[in-house]
């Protein structure tokens, strides 16, 4: 399933918004492992660096927690 993107907003911000929405809406529960950067990039048909940038933004915002060697996990907000 390829994602569609708006041309006026950077793709990493659009990806971050979509992942953030999935976390807030409960698609990913607290501490649930998200797909790897490479898996997400393949699913979205975009560059892995773009997904990595989105994951980093979400981690700064507190939506993700990354564990070295294990992956990224949904964090509890609020």
N, C-alpha and C. Protein backbone atom coordinates (compact mmCIF):
# COMPACT_ATOMS: atom_id res chain seq x y z
N UNK A 1 0.84 -1.17 0.00
CA UNK A 1 0.00 0.00 0.00
C UNK A 1 0.88 1.23 0.00
N UNK A 2 0.91 1.94 -1.08
CA UNK A 2 1.71 3.16 -1.18
C UNK A 2 0.93 4.33 -0.57
N UNK A 3 1.64 5.18 0.11
CA UNK A 3 1.03 6.36 0.68
C UNK A 3 0.96 7.43 -0.39
N UNK A 4 0.04 8.38 -0.22
CA UNK A 4 0.00 9.54 -1.09
C UNK A 4 0.39 10.76 -0.25
N UNK A 5 1.07 11.69 -0.86
CA UNK A 5 1.59 12.84 -0.13
C UNK A 5 1.19 14.14 -0.80
N UNK A 6 1.05 15.18 0.02
CA UNK A 6 0.81 16.53 -0.48
C UNK A 6 2.17 17.12 -0.84
N UNK A 7 2.22 17.87 -1.92
CA UNK A 7 3.51 18.39 -2.38
C UNK A 7 4.03 19.57 -1.57
N UNK A 8 3.16 20.24 -0.82
CA UNK A 8 3.59 21.45 -0.12
C UNK A 8 4.18 21.19 1.26
N UNK A 9 3.98 20.01 1.80
CA UNK A 9 4.45 19.67 3.15
C UNK A 9 5.56 18.63 3.02
N UNK A 10 6.69 18.81 3.73
CA UNK A 10 7.77 17.83 3.64
C UNK A 10 7.26 16.41 3.95
N UNK A 11 7.76 15.45 3.21
CA UNK A 11 7.27 14.08 3.33
C UNK A 11 7.50 13.53 4.74
N UNK A 12 8.64 13.86 5.36
CA UNK A 12 8.89 13.32 6.70
C UNK A 12 7.85 13.84 7.70
N UNK A 13 7.38 15.08 7.53
CA UNK A 13 6.35 15.61 8.42
C UNK A 13 5.01 14.92 8.18
N UNK A 14 4.72 14.63 6.92
CA UNK A 14 3.48 13.92 6.61
C UNK A 14 3.52 12.49 7.17
N UNK A 15 4.68 11.85 7.05
CA UNK A 15 4.82 10.49 7.60
C UNK A 15 4.70 10.54 9.12
N UNK A 16 5.34 11.52 9.76
CA UNK A 16 5.27 11.65 11.21
C UNK A 16 3.82 11.88 11.66
N UNK A 17 3.10 12.71 10.92
CA UNK A 17 1.70 12.98 11.25
C UNK A 17 0.87 11.69 11.16
N UNK A 18 1.10 10.93 10.13
CA UNK A 18 0.34 9.69 9.95
C UNK A 18 0.65 8.67 11.06
N UNK A 19 1.92 8.53 11.40
CA UNK A 19 2.32 7.60 12.47
C UNK A 19 1.78 8.09 13.81
N UNK A 20 1.89 9.40 14.06
CA UNK A 20 1.36 9.99 15.29
C UNK A 20 -0.14 9.70 15.41
N UNK A 21 -0.87 9.87 14.33
CA UNK A 21 -2.31 9.60 14.33
C UNK A 21 -2.59 8.13 14.66
N UNK A 22 -1.78 7.24 14.09
CA UNK A 22 -1.94 5.81 14.38
C UNK A 22 -1.73 5.51 15.86
N UNK A 23 -0.77 6.19 16.47
CA UNK A 23 -0.51 5.99 17.90
C UNK A 23 -1.65 6.55 18.74
N UNK A 24 -2.07 7.77 18.44
CA UNK A 24 -3.14 8.43 19.20
C UNK A 24 -4.46 7.67 19.07
N UNK A 25 -4.74 7.17 17.87
CA UNK A 25 -6.00 6.45 17.62
C UNK A 25 -5.98 5.02 18.16
N UNK A 26 -4.83 4.57 18.64
CA UNK A 26 -4.77 3.24 19.24
C UNK A 26 -4.37 2.13 18.30
N UNK A 27 -3.97 2.46 17.09
CA UNK A 27 -3.49 1.40 16.19
C UNK A 27 -2.26 0.72 16.79
N UNK A 28 -1.46 1.52 17.47
CA UNK A 28 -0.32 0.98 18.22
C UNK A 28 -0.58 1.26 19.69
N UNK A 29 -0.57 0.23 20.50
CA UNK A 29 -0.78 0.43 21.93
C UNK A 29 0.56 0.74 22.61
N UNK A 30 0.50 1.20 23.85
CA UNK A 30 1.69 1.56 24.59
C UNK A 30 2.67 0.39 24.59
N UNK A 31 3.92 0.69 24.31
CA UNK A 31 5.03 -0.27 24.28
C UNK A 31 4.97 -1.25 23.11
N UNK A 32 4.05 -1.06 22.18
CA UNK A 32 4.00 -1.94 21.01
C UNK A 32 5.10 -1.53 20.03
N UNK A 33 5.77 -2.53 19.50
CA UNK A 33 6.85 -2.28 18.55
C UNK A 33 6.28 -1.83 17.21
N UNK A 34 6.84 -0.75 16.68
CA UNK A 34 6.47 -0.27 15.35
C UNK A 34 7.33 -1.00 14.31
N UNK A 35 6.88 -0.99 13.07
CA UNK A 35 7.71 -1.59 12.02
C UNK A 35 9.07 -0.90 11.96
N UNK A 36 10.07 -1.64 11.52
CA UNK A 36 11.40 -1.04 11.38
C UNK A 36 11.35 0.07 10.34
N UNK A 37 12.37 0.89 10.35
CA UNK A 37 12.46 1.98 9.38
C UNK A 37 12.39 1.41 7.97
N UNK A 38 13.10 0.34 7.72
CA UNK A 38 13.11 -0.26 6.37
C UNK A 38 11.74 -0.81 6.00
N UNK A 39 11.09 -1.49 6.93
CA UNK A 39 9.75 -2.02 6.66
C UNK A 39 8.78 -0.89 6.32
N UNK A 40 8.81 0.16 7.14
CA UNK A 40 7.92 1.30 6.91
C UNK A 40 8.21 1.95 5.56
N UNK A 41 9.49 2.09 5.24
CA UNK A 41 9.88 2.71 3.97
C UNK A 41 9.36 1.89 2.79
N UNK A 42 9.45 0.58 2.88
CA UNK A 42 8.93 -0.27 1.80
C UNK A 42 7.42 -0.15 1.69
N UNK A 43 6.74 -0.15 2.83
CA UNK A 43 5.28 -0.02 2.83
C UNK A 43 4.84 1.31 2.23
N UNK A 44 5.55 2.37 2.58
CA UNK A 44 5.18 3.71 2.13
C UNK A 44 5.79 4.08 0.78
N UNK A 45 6.68 3.25 0.29
CA UNK A 45 7.38 3.51 -0.98
C UNK A 45 8.15 4.83 -0.95
N UNK A 46 8.85 5.06 0.16
CA UNK A 46 9.69 6.25 0.27
C UNK A 46 11.05 5.87 0.84
N UNK A 47 11.97 6.80 0.83
CA UNK A 47 13.33 6.59 1.28
C UNK A 47 13.37 6.28 2.78
N UNK A 48 14.17 5.27 3.21
CA UNK A 48 14.29 4.97 4.64
C UNK A 48 14.76 6.16 5.48
N UNK A 49 15.60 7.04 4.89
CA UNK A 49 16.05 8.22 5.63
C UNK A 49 14.89 9.13 6.00
N UNK A 50 13.87 9.16 5.17
CA UNK A 50 12.69 9.98 5.43
C UNK A 50 11.93 9.42 6.63
N UNK A 51 11.76 8.11 6.68
CA UNK A 51 11.08 7.49 7.82
C UNK A 51 11.91 7.66 9.08
N UNK A 52 13.23 7.52 8.97
CA UNK A 52 14.10 7.71 10.13
C UNK A 52 13.93 9.12 10.69
N UNK A 53 13.85 10.09 9.82
CA UNK A 53 13.65 11.48 10.25
C UNK A 53 12.30 11.65 10.94
N UNK A 54 11.27 10.99 10.41
CA UNK A 54 9.94 11.04 11.03
C UNK A 54 9.98 10.38 12.41
N UNK A 55 10.63 9.23 12.52
CA UNK A 55 10.75 8.55 13.81
C UNK A 55 11.48 9.43 14.82
N UNK A 56 12.55 10.08 14.38
CA UNK A 56 13.30 10.96 15.29
C UNK A 56 12.43 12.12 15.77
N UNK A 57 11.65 12.70 14.88
CA UNK A 57 10.75 13.79 15.27
C UNK A 57 9.73 13.30 16.28
N UNK A 58 9.18 12.12 16.06
CA UNK A 58 8.17 11.57 16.97
C UNK A 58 8.79 11.21 18.32
N UNK A 59 10.03 10.79 18.32
CA UNK A 59 10.71 10.50 19.59
C UNK A 59 10.91 11.79 20.38
N UNK A 60 11.31 12.87 19.69
CA UNK A 60 11.47 14.16 20.37
C UNK A 60 10.15 14.65 20.96
N UNK A 61 9.05 14.35 20.27
CA UNK A 61 7.72 14.77 20.74
C UNK A 61 7.17 13.85 21.83
N UNK A 62 7.81 12.72 22.06
CA UNK A 62 7.37 11.80 23.10
C UNK A 62 6.39 10.73 22.65
N UNK A 63 6.22 10.58 21.35
CA UNK A 63 5.30 9.56 20.84
C UNK A 63 5.98 8.21 20.66
N UNK A 64 7.29 8.22 20.51
CA UNK A 64 8.05 6.98 20.33
C UNK A 64 9.17 6.91 21.34
N UNK A 65 9.56 5.68 21.61
CA UNK A 65 10.73 5.42 22.44
C UNK A 65 11.57 4.42 21.65
N UNK A 66 12.83 4.75 21.40
CA UNK A 66 13.70 3.87 20.63
C UNK A 66 14.68 3.18 21.56
N UNK A 67 14.80 1.87 21.41
CA UNK A 67 15.72 1.07 22.19
C UNK A 67 16.77 0.52 21.21
N UNK A 68 18.01 0.87 21.45
CA UNK A 68 19.09 0.44 20.55
C UNK A 68 19.08 -1.08 20.38
N UNK A 69 19.12 -1.50 19.13
CA UNK A 69 19.15 -2.93 18.82
C UNK A 69 17.81 -3.63 18.90
N UNK A 70 16.78 -2.95 19.40
CA UNK A 70 15.46 -3.56 19.56
C UNK A 70 14.41 -2.93 18.65
N UNK A 71 14.48 -1.61 18.44
CA UNK A 71 13.52 -0.95 17.58
C UNK A 71 12.84 0.23 18.26
N UNK A 72 11.78 0.68 17.62
CA UNK A 72 10.99 1.82 18.12
C UNK A 72 9.65 1.33 18.64
N UNK A 73 9.23 1.91 19.74
CA UNK A 73 8.01 1.48 20.41
C UNK A 73 7.11 2.68 20.67
N UNK A 74 5.81 2.46 20.63
CA UNK A 74 4.85 3.52 20.95
C UNK A 74 4.98 3.86 22.42
N UNK A 75 5.03 5.15 22.70
CA UNK A 75 5.13 5.61 24.10
C UNK A 75 3.78 6.14 24.55
N UNK A 76 3.58 6.13 25.84
CA UNK A 76 2.34 6.68 26.39
C UNK A 76 2.48 8.19 26.48
N UNK A 77 1.47 8.87 25.97
CA UNK A 77 1.48 10.34 26.00
C UNK A 77 0.57 10.84 27.11
N UNK A 78 0.99 11.97 27.71
CA UNK A 78 0.11 12.65 28.64
C UNK A 78 0.30 12.24 30.03
